[in-house]
Amino acid sequence: TVYLQMNSLKLEDTAVYYCNTPSAR
Protein backbone atom coordinates (compact mmCIF):
# COMPACT_ATOMS: atom_id res chain seq x y z
CA THR A 1 0.00 0.00 0.00
CA VAL A 2 1.05 3.55 -0.78
CA TYR A 3 -0.45 6.54 1.03
CA LEU A 4 -0.90 10.23 0.35
CA GLN A 5 -1.44 12.45 3.37
CA MET A 6 -2.89 15.75 2.21
CA ASN A 7 -3.10 18.78 4.48
CA SER A 8 -4.18 22.40 4.06
CA LEU A 9 -6.37 21.39 1.16
CA LYS A 10 -7.43 24.04 -1.32
CA LEU A 11 -10.40 24.30 -3.65
CA GLU A 12 -8.10 23.61 -6.58
CA ASP A 13 -7.09 20.26 -5.11
CA THR A 14 -10.49 18.92 -6.11
CA ALA A 15 -9.81 16.03 -8.47
CA VAL A 16 -9.84 12.28 -8.83
CA TYR A 17 -6.66 10.85 -7.37
CA TYR A 18 -4.96 7.76 -8.76
CA CYS A 19 -1.85 5.73 -8.09
CA ASN A 20 0.45 3.99 -10.55
CA THR A 21 4.14 3.80 -11.34
CA PRO A 22 5.76 7.04 -12.55
CA SER A 23 5.68 5.68 -16.08
CA ALA A 24 2.01 4.72 -15.72
CA ARG A 25 3.05 1.21 -16.55
mmCIF file of all heavy atoms, coordinates in Angstrom:
data_MODEL
# 
_entry.id   MODEL 
# 
loop_
_atom_site.group_PDB 
_atom_site.id 
_atom_site.type_symbol 
_atom_site.label_atom_id 
_atom_site.label_alt_id 
_atom_site.label_comp_id 
_atom_site.label_asym_id 
_atom_site.label_entity_id 
_atom_site.label_seq_id 
_atom_site.pdbx_PDB_ins_code 
_atom_site.Cartn_x 
_atom_site.Cartn_y 
_atom_site.Cartn_z 
_atom_site.occupancy 
_atom_site.B_iso_or_equiv 
_atom_site.pdbx_formal_charge 
_atom_site.auth_seq_id 
_atom_site.auth_comp_id 
_atom_site.auth_asym_id 
_atom_site.auth_atom_id 
_atom_site.pdbx_PDB_model_num 
ATOM 1   N N   . THR A 1 1  ? 0.828   -1.200 0.000   1.00 0.00 ? 1  THR A N   1 
ATOM 2   C CA  . THR A 1 1  ? 0.000   0.000  0.000   1.00 0.00 ? 1  THR A CA  1 
ATOM 3   C C   . THR A 1 1  ? 0.866   1.255  0.000   1.00 0.00 ? 1  THR A C   1 
ATOM 4   O O   . THR A 1 1  ? 1.893   1.307  0.682   1.00 0.00 ? 1  THR A O   1 
ATOM 5   C CB  . THR A 1 1  ? -0.934  0.004  1.220   1.00 0.00 ? 1  THR A CB  1 
ATOM 6   O OG1 . THR A 1 1  ? -1.796  -1.145 1.161   1.00 0.00 ? 1  THR A OG1 1 
ATOM 7   C CG2 . THR A 1 1  ? -1.807  1.258  1.245   1.00 0.00 ? 1  THR A CG2 1 
ATOM 8   N N   . VAL A 1 2  ? 0.420   2.234  -0.771  1.00 0.00 ? 2  VAL A N   1 
ATOM 9   C CA  . VAL A 1 2  ? 1.047   3.552  -0.776  1.00 0.00 ? 2  VAL A CA  1 
ATOM 10  C C   . VAL A 1 2  ? -0.008  4.556  -0.315  1.00 0.00 ? 2  VAL A C   1 
ATOM 11  O O   . VAL A 1 2  ? -1.189  4.405  -0.613  1.00 0.00 ? 2  VAL A O   1 
ATOM 12  C CB  . VAL A 1 2  ? 1.614   3.896  -2.173  1.00 0.00 ? 2  VAL A CB  1 
ATOM 13  C CG1 . VAL A 1 2  ? 0.529   3.933  -3.235  1.00 0.00 ? 2  VAL A CG1 1 
ATOM 14  C CG2 . VAL A 1 2  ? 2.375   5.203  -2.142  1.00 0.00 ? 2  VAL A CG2 1 
ATOM 15  N N   . TYR A 1 3  ? 0.444   5.554  0.429   1.00 0.00 ? 3  TYR A N   1 
ATOM 16  C CA  . TYR A 1 3  ? -0.454  6.539  1.029   1.00 0.00 ? 3  TYR A CA  1 
ATOM 17  C C   . TYR A 1 3  ? -0.128  7.941  0.527   1.00 0.00 ? 3  TYR A C   1 
ATOM 18  O O   . TYR A 1 3  ? 0.993   8.223  0.115   1.00 0.00 ? 3  TYR A O   1 
ATOM 19  C CB  . TYR A 1 3  ? -0.314  6.518  2.551   1.00 0.00 ? 3  TYR A CB  1 
ATOM 20  C CG  . TYR A 1 3  ? -0.575  5.178  3.178   1.00 0.00 ? 3  TYR A CG  1 
ATOM 21  C CD1 . TYR A 1 3  ? 0.489   4.335  3.519   1.00 0.00 ? 3  TYR A CD1 1 
ATOM 22  C CD2 . TYR A 1 3  ? -1.868  4.741  3.430   1.00 0.00 ? 3  TYR A CD2 1 
ATOM 23  C CE1 . TYR A 1 3  ? 0.258   3.097  4.087   1.00 0.00 ? 3  TYR A CE1 1 
ATOM 24  C CE2 . TYR A 1 3  ? -2.104  3.496  4.000   1.00 0.00 ? 3  TYR A CE2 1 
ATOM 25  C CZ  . TYR A 1 3  ? -1.040  2.682  4.330   1.00 0.00 ? 3  TYR A CZ  1 
ATOM 26  O OH  . TYR A 1 3  ? -1.266  1.451  4.892   1.00 0.00 ? 3  TYR A OH  1 
ATOM 27  N N   . LEU A 1 4  ? -1.119  8.810  0.614   1.00 0.00 ? 4  LEU A N   1 
ATOM 28  C CA  . LEU A 1 4  ? -0.905  10.228 0.351   1.00 0.00 ? 4  LEU A CA  1 
ATOM 29  C C   . LEU A 1 4  ? -1.639  11.014 1.434   1.00 0.00 ? 4  LEU A C   1 
ATOM 30  O O   . LEU A 1 4  ? -2.866  11.052 1.453   1.00 0.00 ? 4  LEU A O   1 
ATOM 31  C CB  . LEU A 1 4  ? -1.418  10.638 -1.032  1.00 0.00 ? 4  LEU A CB  1 
ATOM 32  C CG  . LEU A 1 4  ? -1.066  12.067 -1.435  1.00 0.00 ? 4  LEU A CG  1 
ATOM 33  C CD1 . LEU A 1 4  ? 0.446   12.173 -1.705  1.00 0.00 ? 4  LEU A CD1 1 
ATOM 34  C CD2 . LEU A 1 4  ? -1.834  12.489 -2.685  1.00 0.00 ? 4  LEU A CD2 1 
ATOM 35  N N   . GLN A 1 5  ? -0.873  11.585 2.336   1.00 0.00 ? 5  GLN A N   1 
ATOM 36  C CA  . GLN A 1 5  ? -1.439  12.447 3.368   1.00 0.00 ? 5  GLN A CA  1 
ATOM 37  C C   . GLN A 1 5  ? -1.501  13.859 2.808   1.00 0.00 ? 5  GLN A C   1 
ATOM 38  O O   . GLN A 1 5  ? -0.473  14.403 2.408   1.00 0.00 ? 5  GLN A O   1 
ATOM 39  C CB  . GLN A 1 5  ? -0.573  12.417 4.628   1.00 0.00 ? 5  GLN A CB  1 
ATOM 40  C CG  . GLN A 1 5  ? -1.022  13.363 5.723   1.00 0.00 ? 5  GLN A CG  1 
ATOM 41  C CD  . GLN A 1 5  ? -2.348  12.962 6.322   1.00 0.00 ? 5  GLN A CD  1 
ATOM 42  O OE1 . GLN A 1 5  ? -2.584  11.787 6.615   1.00 0.00 ? 5  GLN A OE1 1 
ATOM 43  N NE2 . GLN A 1 5  ? -3.233  13.928 6.541   1.00 0.00 ? 5  GLN A NE2 1 
ATOM 44  N N   . MET A 1 6  ? -2.693  14.422 2.782   1.00 0.00 ? 6  MET A N   1 
ATOM 45  C CA  . MET A 1 6  ? -2.887  15.752 2.206   1.00 0.00 ? 6  MET A CA  1 
ATOM 46  C C   . MET A 1 6  ? -3.401  16.683 3.295   1.00 0.00 ? 6  MET A C   1 
ATOM 47  O O   . MET A 1 6  ? -4.414  16.393 3.944   1.00 0.00 ? 6  MET A O   1 
ATOM 48  C CB  . MET A 1 6  ? -3.873  15.698 1.040   1.00 0.00 ? 6  MET A CB  1 
ATOM 49  C CG  . MET A 1 6  ? -3.471  14.729 -0.052  1.00 0.00 ? 6  MET A CG  1 
ATOM 50  S SD  . MET A 1 6  ? -4.465  14.913 -1.536  1.00 0.00 ? 6  MET A SD  1 
ATOM 51  C CE  . MET A 1 6  ? -6.067  14.453 -0.913  1.00 0.00 ? 6  MET A CE  1 
ATOM 52  N N   . ASN A 1 7  ? -2.724  17.781 3.478   1.00 0.00 ? 7  ASN A N   1 
ATOM 53  C CA  . ASN A 1 7  ? -3.099  18.779 4.483   1.00 0.00 ? 7  ASN A CA  1 
ATOM 54  C C   . ASN A 1 7  ? -3.322  20.137 3.816   1.00 0.00 ? 7  ASN A C   1 
ATOM 55  O O   . ASN A 1 7  ? -2.934  20.342 2.659   1.00 0.00 ? 7  ASN A O   1 
ATOM 56  C CB  . ASN A 1 7  ? -2.001  18.893 5.536   1.00 0.00 ? 7  ASN A CB  1 
ATOM 57  C CG  . ASN A 1 7  ? -1.717  17.582 6.232   1.00 0.00 ? 7  ASN A CG  1 
ATOM 58  O OD1 . ASN A 1 7  ? -2.622  16.821 6.570   1.00 0.00 ? 7  ASN A OD1 1 
ATOM 59  N ND2 . ASN A 1 7  ? -0.439  17.296 6.446   1.00 0.00 ? 7  ASN A ND2 1 
ATOM 60  N N   . SER A 1 8  ? -3.947  21.034 4.561   1.00 0.00 ? 8  SER A N   1 
ATOM 61  C CA  . SER A 1 8  ? -4.180  22.400 4.058   1.00 0.00 ? 8  SER A CA  1 
ATOM 62  C C   . SER A 1 8  ? -4.776  22.377 2.658   1.00 0.00 ? 8  SER A C   1 
ATOM 63  O O   . SER A 1 8  ? -4.321  23.086 1.752   1.00 0.00 ? 8  SER A O   1 
ATOM 64  C CB  . SER A 1 8  ? -2.865  23.189 4.060   1.00 0.00 ? 8  SER A CB  1 
ATOM 65  O OG  . SER A 1 8  ? -2.321  23.235 5.364   1.00 0.00 ? 8  SER A OG  1 
ATOM 66  N N   . LEU A 1 9  ? -5.787  21.566 2.494   1.00 0.00 ? 9  LEU A N   1 
ATOM 67  C CA  . LEU A 1 9  ? -6.373  21.385 1.163   1.00 0.00 ? 9  LEU A CA  1 
ATOM 68  C C   . LEU A 1 9  ? -7.018  22.672 0.657   1.00 0.00 ? 9  LEU A C   1 
ATOM 69  O O   . LEU A 1 9  ? -7.595  23.450 1.429   1.00 0.00 ? 9  LEU A O   1 
ATOM 70  C CB  . LEU A 1 9  ? -7.378  20.244 1.184   1.00 0.00 ? 9  LEU A CB  1 
ATOM 71  C CG  . LEU A 1 9  ? -6.733  18.853 1.213   1.00 0.00 ? 9  LEU A CG  1 
ATOM 72  C CD1 . LEU A 1 9  ? -7.731  17.790 1.649   1.00 0.00 ? 9  LEU A CD1 1 
ATOM 73  C CD2 . LEU A 1 9  ? -6.154  18.509 -0.148  1.00 0.00 ? 9  LEU A CD2 1 
ATOM 74  N N   . LYS A 1 10 ? -6.904  22.860 -0.656  1.00 0.00 ? 10 LYS A N   1 
ATOM 75  C CA  . LYS A 1 10 ? -7.433  24.040 -1.321  1.00 0.00 ? 10 LYS A CA  1 
ATOM 76  C C   . LYS A 1 10 ? -8.537  23.628 -2.297  1.00 0.00 ? 10 LYS A C   1 
ATOM 77  O O   . LYS A 1 10 ? -8.622  22.464 -2.701  1.00 0.00 ? 10 LYS A O   1 
ATOM 78  C CB  . LYS A 1 10 ? -6.318  24.747 -2.089  1.00 0.00 ? 10 LYS A CB  1 
ATOM 79  C CG  . LYS A 1 10 ? -5.121  25.149 -1.246  1.00 0.00 ? 10 LYS A CG  1 
ATOM 80  C CD  . LYS A 1 10 ? -4.041  25.763 -2.120  1.00 0.00 ? 10 LYS A CD  1 
ATOM 81  C CE  . LYS A 1 10 ? -2.823  26.158 -1.298  1.00 0.00 ? 10 LYS A CE  1 
ATOM 82  N NZ  . LYS A 1 10 ? -1.764  26.764 -2.149  1.00 0.00 ? 10 LYS A NZ  1 
ATOM 83  N N   . LEU A 1 11 ? -9.339  24.593 -2.689  1.00 0.00 ? 11 LEU A N   1 
ATOM 84  C CA  . LEU A 1 11 ? -10.403 24.303 -3.647  1.00 0.00 ? 11 LEU A CA  1 
ATOM 85  C C   . LEU A 1 11 ? -9.848  23.656 -4.912  1.00 0.00 ? 11 LEU A C   1 
ATOM 86  O O   . LEU A 1 11 ? -10.460 22.741 -5.482  1.00 0.00 ? 11 LEU A O   1 
ATOM 87  C CB  . LEU A 1 11 ? -11.149 25.596 -4.000  1.00 0.00 ? 11 LEU A CB  1 
ATOM 88  C CG  . LEU A 1 11 ? -11.881 26.299 -2.864  1.00 0.00 ? 11 LEU A CG  1 
ATOM 89  C CD1 . LEU A 1 11 ? -12.460 27.625 -3.357  1.00 0.00 ? 11 LEU A CD1 1 
ATOM 90  C CD2 . LEU A 1 11 ? -12.975 25.426 -2.285  1.00 0.00 ? 11 LEU A CD2 1 
ATOM 91  N N   . GLU A 1 12 ? -8.689  24.114 -5.335  1.00 0.00 ? 12 GLU A N   1 
ATOM 92  C CA  . GLU A 1 12 ? -8.102  23.615 -6.579  1.00 0.00 ? 12 GLU A CA  1 
ATOM 93  C C   . GLU A 1 12 ? -7.501  22.220 -6.461  1.00 0.00 ? 12 GLU A C   1 
ATOM 94  O O   . GLU A 1 12 ? -7.023  21.673 -7.444  1.00 0.00 ? 12 GLU A O   1 
ATOM 95  C CB  . GLU A 1 12 ? -7.043  24.593 -7.108  1.00 0.00 ? 12 GLU A CB  1 
ATOM 96  C CG  . GLU A 1 12 ? -5.962  24.941 -6.111  1.00 0.00 ? 12 GLU A CG  1 
ATOM 97  C CD  . GLU A 1 12 ? -6.235  26.243 -5.376  1.00 0.00 ? 12 GLU A CD  1 
ATOM 98  O OE1 . GLU A 1 12 ? -7.407  26.511 -5.030  1.00 0.00 ? 12 GLU A OE1 1 
ATOM 99  O OE2 . GLU A 1 12 ? -5.255  26.990 -5.153  1.00 0.00 ? 12 GLU A OE2 1 
ATOM 100 N N   . ASP A 1 13 ? -7.530  21.652 -5.279  1.00 0.00 ? 13 ASP A N   1 
ATOM 101 C CA  . ASP A 1 13 ? -7.085  20.265 -5.112  1.00 0.00 ? 13 ASP A CA  1 
ATOM 102 C C   . ASP A 1 13 ? -8.197  19.275 -5.454  1.00 0.00 ? 13 ASP A C   1 
ATOM 103 O O   . ASP A 1 13 ? -7.973  18.064 -5.459  1.00 0.00 ? 13 ASP A O   1 
ATOM 104 C CB  . ASP A 1 13 ? -6.622  20.016 -3.678  1.00 0.00 ? 13 ASP A CB  1 
ATOM 105 C CG  . ASP A 1 13 ? -5.375  20.820 -3.324  1.00 0.00 ? 13 ASP A CG  1 
ATOM 106 O OD1 . ASP A 1 13 ? -4.512  20.978 -4.204  1.00 0.00 ? 13 ASP A OD1 1 
ATOM 107 O OD2 . ASP A 1 13 ? -5.282  21.277 -2.171  1.00 0.00 ? 13 ASP A OD2 1 
ATOM 108 N N   . THR A 1 14 ? -9.383  19.787 -5.724  1.00 0.00 ? 14 THR A N   1 
ATOM 109 C CA  . THR A 1 14 ? -10.492 18.921 -6.109  1.00 0.00 ? 14 THR A CA  1 
ATOM 110 C C   . THR A 1 14 ? -10.149 18.176 -7.396  1.00 0.00 ? 14 THR A C   1 
ATOM 111 O O   . THR A 1 14 ? -9.812  18.789 -8.409  1.00 0.00 ? 14 THR A O   1 
ATOM 112 C CB  . THR A 1 14 ? -11.771 19.741 -6.312  1.00 0.00 ? 14 THR A CB  1 
ATOM 113 O OG1 . THR A 1 14 ? -12.160 20.321 -5.060  1.00 0.00 ? 14 THR A OG1 1 
ATOM 114 C CG2 . THR A 1 14 ? -12.905 18.882 -6.844  1.00 0.00 ? 14 THR A CG2 1 
ATOM 115 N N   . ALA A 1 15 ? -10.196 16.861 -7.336  1.00 0.00 ? 15 ALA A N   1 
ATOM 116 C CA  . ALA A 1 15 ? -9.809  16.027 -8.474  1.00 0.00 ? 15 ALA A CA  1 
ATOM 117 C C   . ALA A 1 15 ? -10.055 14.571 -8.107  1.00 0.00 ? 15 ALA A C   1 
ATOM 118 O O   . ALA A 1 15 ? -10.354 14.250 -6.954  1.00 0.00 ? 15 ALA A O   1 
ATOM 119 C CB  . ALA A 1 15 ? -8.329  16.228 -8.808  1.00 0.00 ? 15 ALA A CB  1 
ATOM 120 N N   . VAL A 1 16 ? -9.908  13.710 -9.097  1.00 0.00 ? 16 VAL A N   1 
ATOM 121 C CA  . VAL A 1 16 ? -9.840  12.275 -8.832  1.00 0.00 ? 16 VAL A CA  1 
ATOM 122 C C   . VAL A 1 16 ? -8.366  11.912 -8.708  1.00 0.00 ? 16 VAL A C   1 
ATOM 123 O O   . VAL A 1 16 ? -7.560  12.288 -9.565  1.00 0.00 ? 16 VAL A O   1 
ATOM 124 C CB  . VAL A 1 16 ? -10.505 11.459 -9.950  1.00 0.00 ? 16 VAL A CB  1 
ATOM 125 C CG1 . VAL A 1 16 ? -10.412 9.967  -9.640  1.00 0.00 ? 16 VAL A CG1 1 
ATOM 126 C CG2 . VAL A 1 16 ? -11.962 11.864 -10.110 1.00 0.00 ? 16 VAL A CG2 1 
ATOM 127 N N   . TYR A 1 17 ? -8.033  11.206 -7.658  1.00 0.00 ? 17 TYR A N   1 
ATOM 128 C CA  . TYR A 1 17 ? -6.656  10.847 -7.367  1.00 0.00 ? 17 TYR A CA  1 
ATOM 129 C C   . TYR A 1 17 ? -6.429  9.371  -7.671  1.00 0.00 ? 17 TYR A C   1 
ATOM 130 O O   . TYR A 1 17 ? -7.245  8.522  -7.294  1.00 0.00 ? 17 TYR A O   1 
ATOM 131 C CB  . TYR A 1 17 ? -6.328  11.159 -5.915  1.00 0.00 ? 17 TYR A CB  1 
ATOM 132 C CG  . TYR A 1 17 ? -6.166  12.647 -5.665  1.00 0.00 ? 17 TYR A CG  1 
ATOM 133 C CD1 . TYR A 1 17 ? -7.268  13.484 -5.666  1.00 0.00 ? 17 TYR A CD1 1 
ATOM 134 C CD2 . TYR A 1 17 ? -4.902  13.200 -5.457  1.00 0.00 ? 17 TYR A CD2 1 
ATOM 135 C CE1 . TYR A 1 17 ? -7.124  14.847 -5.474  1.00 0.00 ? 17 TYR A CE1 1 
ATOM 136 C CE2 . TYR A 1 17 ? -4.750  14.568 -5.254  1.00 0.00 ? 17 TYR A CE2 1 
ATOM 137 C CZ  . TYR A 1 17 ? -5.869  15.390 -5.266  1.00 0.00 ? 17 TYR A CZ  1 
ATOM 138 O OH  . TYR A 1 17 ? -5.715  16.747 -5.076  1.00 0.00 ? 17 TYR A OH  1 
ATOM 139 N N   . TYR A 1 18 ? -5.313  9.102  -8.338  1.00 0.00 ? 18 TYR A N   1 
ATOM 140 C CA  . TYR A 1 18 ? -4.959  7.757  -8.759  1.00 0.00 ? 18 TYR A CA  1 
ATOM 141 C C   . TYR A 1 18 ? -3.536  7.430  -8.330  1.00 0.00 ? 18 TYR A C   1 
ATOM 142 O O   . TYR A 1 18 ? -2.713  8.326  -8.136  1.00 0.00 ? 18 TYR A O   1 
ATOM 143 C CB  . TYR A 1 18 ? -4.990  7.641  -10.290 1.00 0.00 ? 18 TYR A CB  1 
ATOM 144 C CG  . TYR A 1 18 ? -6.285  7.980  -10.954 1.00 0.00 ? 18 TYR A CG  1 
ATOM 145 C CD1 . TYR A 1 18 ? -6.584  9.290  -11.308 1.00 0.00 ? 18 TYR A CD1 1 
ATOM 146 C CD2 . TYR A 1 18 ? -7.204  6.977  -11.279 1.00 0.00 ? 18 TYR A CD2 1 
ATOM 147 C CE1 . TYR A 1 18 ? -7.769  9.609  -11.944 1.00 0.00 ? 18 TYR A CE1 1 
ATOM 148 C CE2 . TYR A 1 18 ? -8.387  7.287  -11.930 1.00 0.00 ? 18 TYR A CE2 1 
ATOM 149 C CZ  . TYR A 1 18 ? -8.663  8.600  -12.253 1.00 0.00 ? 18 TYR A CZ  1 
ATOM 150 O OH  . TYR A 1 18 ? -9.839  8.910  -12.890 1.00 0.00 ? 18 TYR A OH  1 
ATOM 151 N N   . CYS A 1 19 ? -3.237  6.140  -8.272  1.00 0.00 ? 19 CYS A N   1 
ATOM 152 C CA  . CYS A 1 19 ? -1.845  5.729  -8.090  1.00 0.00 ? 19 CYS A CA  1 
ATOM 153 C C   . CYS A 1 19 ? -1.433  4.860  -9.279  1.00 0.00 ? 19 CYS A C   1 
ATOM 154 O O   . CYS A 1 19 ? -2.259  4.265  -9.966  1.00 0.00 ? 19 CYS A O   1 
ATOM 155 C CB  . CYS A 1 19 ? -1.643  4.981  -6.780  1.00 0.00 ? 19 CYS A CB  1 
ATOM 156 S SG  . CYS A 1 19 ? -2.491  3.407  -6.692  1.00 0.00 ? 19 CYS A SG  1 
ATOM 157 N N   . ASN A 1 20 ? -0.140  4.807  -9.494  1.00 0.00 ? 20 ASN A N   1 
ATOM 158 C CA  . ASN A 1 20 ? 0.446   3.993  -10.553 1.00 0.00 ? 20 ASN A CA  1 
ATOM 159 C C   . ASN A 1 20 ? 1.956   4.146  -10.427 1.00 0.00 ? 20 ASN A C   1 
ATOM 160 O O   . ASN A 1 20 ? 2.453   4.813  -9.515  1.00 0.00 ? 20 ASN A O   1 
ATOM 161 C CB  . ASN A 1 20 ? -0.023  4.476  -11.936 1.00 0.00 ? 20 ASN A CB  1 
ATOM 162 C CG  . ASN A 1 20 ? -0.074  3.363  -12.967 1.00 0.00 ? 20 ASN A CG  1 
ATOM 163 O OD1 . ASN A 1 20 ? 0.840   2.549  -13.063 1.00 0.00 ? 20 ASN A OD1 1 
ATOM 164 N ND2 . ASN A 1 20 ? -1.149  3.316  -13.735 1.00 0.00 ? 20 ASN A ND2 1 
ATOM 165 N N   . THR A 1 21 ? 2.703   3.537  -11.301 1.00 0.00 ? 21 THR A N   1 
ATOM 166 C CA  . THR A 1 21 ? 4.136   3.795  -11.339 1.00 0.00 ? 21 THR A CA  1 
ATOM 167 C C   . THR A 1 21 ? 4.352   5.140  -12.034 1.00 0.00 ? 21 THR A C   1 
ATOM 168 O O   . THR A 1 21 ? 3.459   5.639  -12.723 1.00 0.00 ? 21 THR A O   1 
ATOM 169 C CB  . THR A 1 21 ? 4.873   2.684  -12.094 1.00 0.00 ? 21 THR A CB  1 
ATOM 170 O OG1 . THR A 1 21 ? 4.444   2.700  -13.449 1.00 0.00 ? 21 THR A OG1 1 
ATOM 171 C CG2 . THR A 1 21 ? 4.588   1.329  -11.461 1.00 0.00 ? 21 THR A CG2 1 
ATOM 172 N N   . PRO A 1 22 ? 5.520   5.747  -11.895 1.00 0.00 ? 22 PRO A N   1 
ATOM 173 C CA  . PRO A 1 22 ? 5.765   7.041  -12.548 1.00 0.00 ? 22 PRO A CA  1 
ATOM 174 C C   . PRO A 1 22 ? 5.651   6.981  -14.067 1.00 0.00 ? 22 PRO A C   1 
ATOM 175 O O   . PRO A 1 22 ? 5.359   7.988  -14.707 1.00 0.00 ? 22 PRO A O   1 
ATOM 176 C CB  . PRO A 1 22 ? 7.188   7.395  -12.108 1.00 0.00 ? 22 PRO A CB  1 
ATOM 177 C CG  . PRO A 1 22 ? 7.333   6.724  -10.787 1.00 0.00 ? 22 PRO A CG  1 
ATOM 178 C CD  . PRO A 1 22 ? 6.587   5.424  -10.936 1.00 0.00 ? 22 PRO A CD  1 
ATOM 179 N N   . SER A 1 23 ? 5.830   5.821  -14.639 1.00 0.00 ? 23 SER A N   1 
ATOM 180 C CA  . SER A 1 23 ? 5.682   5.679  -16.085 1.00 0.00 ? 23 SER A CA  1 
ATOM 181 C C   . SER A 1 23 ? 4.280   5.241  -16.463 1.00 0.00 ? 23 SER A C   1 
ATOM 182 O O   . SER A 1 23 ? 4.007   4.974  -17.633 1.00 0.00 ? 23 SER A O   1 
ATOM 183 C CB  . SER A 1 23 ? 6.692   4.655  -16.610 1.00 0.00 ? 23 SER A CB  1 
ATOM 184 O OG  . SER A 1 23 ? 6.453   3.384  -16.019 1.00 0.00 ? 23 SER A OG  1 
ATOM 185 N N   . ALA A 1 24 ? 3.382   5.189  -15.471 1.00 0.00 ? 24 ALA A N   1 
ATOM 186 C CA  . ALA A 1 24 ? 2.014   4.720  -15.715 1.00 0.00 ? 24 ALA A CA  1 
ATOM 187 C C   . ALA A 1 24 ? 2.032   3.384  -16.444 1.00 0.00 ? 24 ALA A C   1 
ATOM 188 O O   . ALA A 1 24 ? 1.348   3.190  -17.449 1.00 0.00 ? 24 ALA A O   1 
ATOM 189 C CB  . ALA A 1 24 ? 1.219   5.756  -16.496 1.00 0.00 ? 24 ALA A CB  1 
ATOM 190 N N   . ARG A 1 25 ? 2.800   2.484  -15.901 1.00 0.00 ? 25 ARG A N   1 
ATOM 191 C CA  . ARG A 1 25 ? 3.047   1.206  -16.550 1.00 0.00 ? 25 ARG A CA  1 
ATOM 192 C C   . ARG A 1 25 ? 1.817   0.309  -16.580 1.00 0.00 ? 25 ARG A C   1 
ATOM 193 O O   . ARG A 1 25 ? 1.660   -0.513 -17.478 1.00 0.00 ? 25 ARG A O   1 
ATOM 194 C CB  . ARG A 1 25 ? 4.198   0.502  -15.814 1.00 0.00 ? 25 ARG A CB  1 
ATOM 195 C CG  . ARG A 1 25 ? 4.564   -0.854 -16.333 1.00 0.00 ? 25 ARG A CG  1 
ATOM 196 C CD  . ARG A 1 25 ? 5.750   -1.406 -15.546 1.00 0.00 ? 25 ARG A CD  1 
ATOM 197 N NE  . ARG A 1 25 ? 6.123   -2.740 -15.997 1.00 0.00 ? 25 ARG A NE  1 
ATOM 198 C CZ  . ARG A 1 25 ? 7.104   -3.457 -15.464 1.00 0.00 ? 25 ARG A CZ  1 
ATOM 199 N NH1 . ARG A 1 25 ? 7.811   -2.953 -14.459 1.00 0.00 ? 25 ARG A NH1 1 
ATOM 200 N NH2 . ARG A 1 25 ? 7.384   -4.640 -15.918 1.00 0.00 ? 25 ARG A NH2 1 
# 
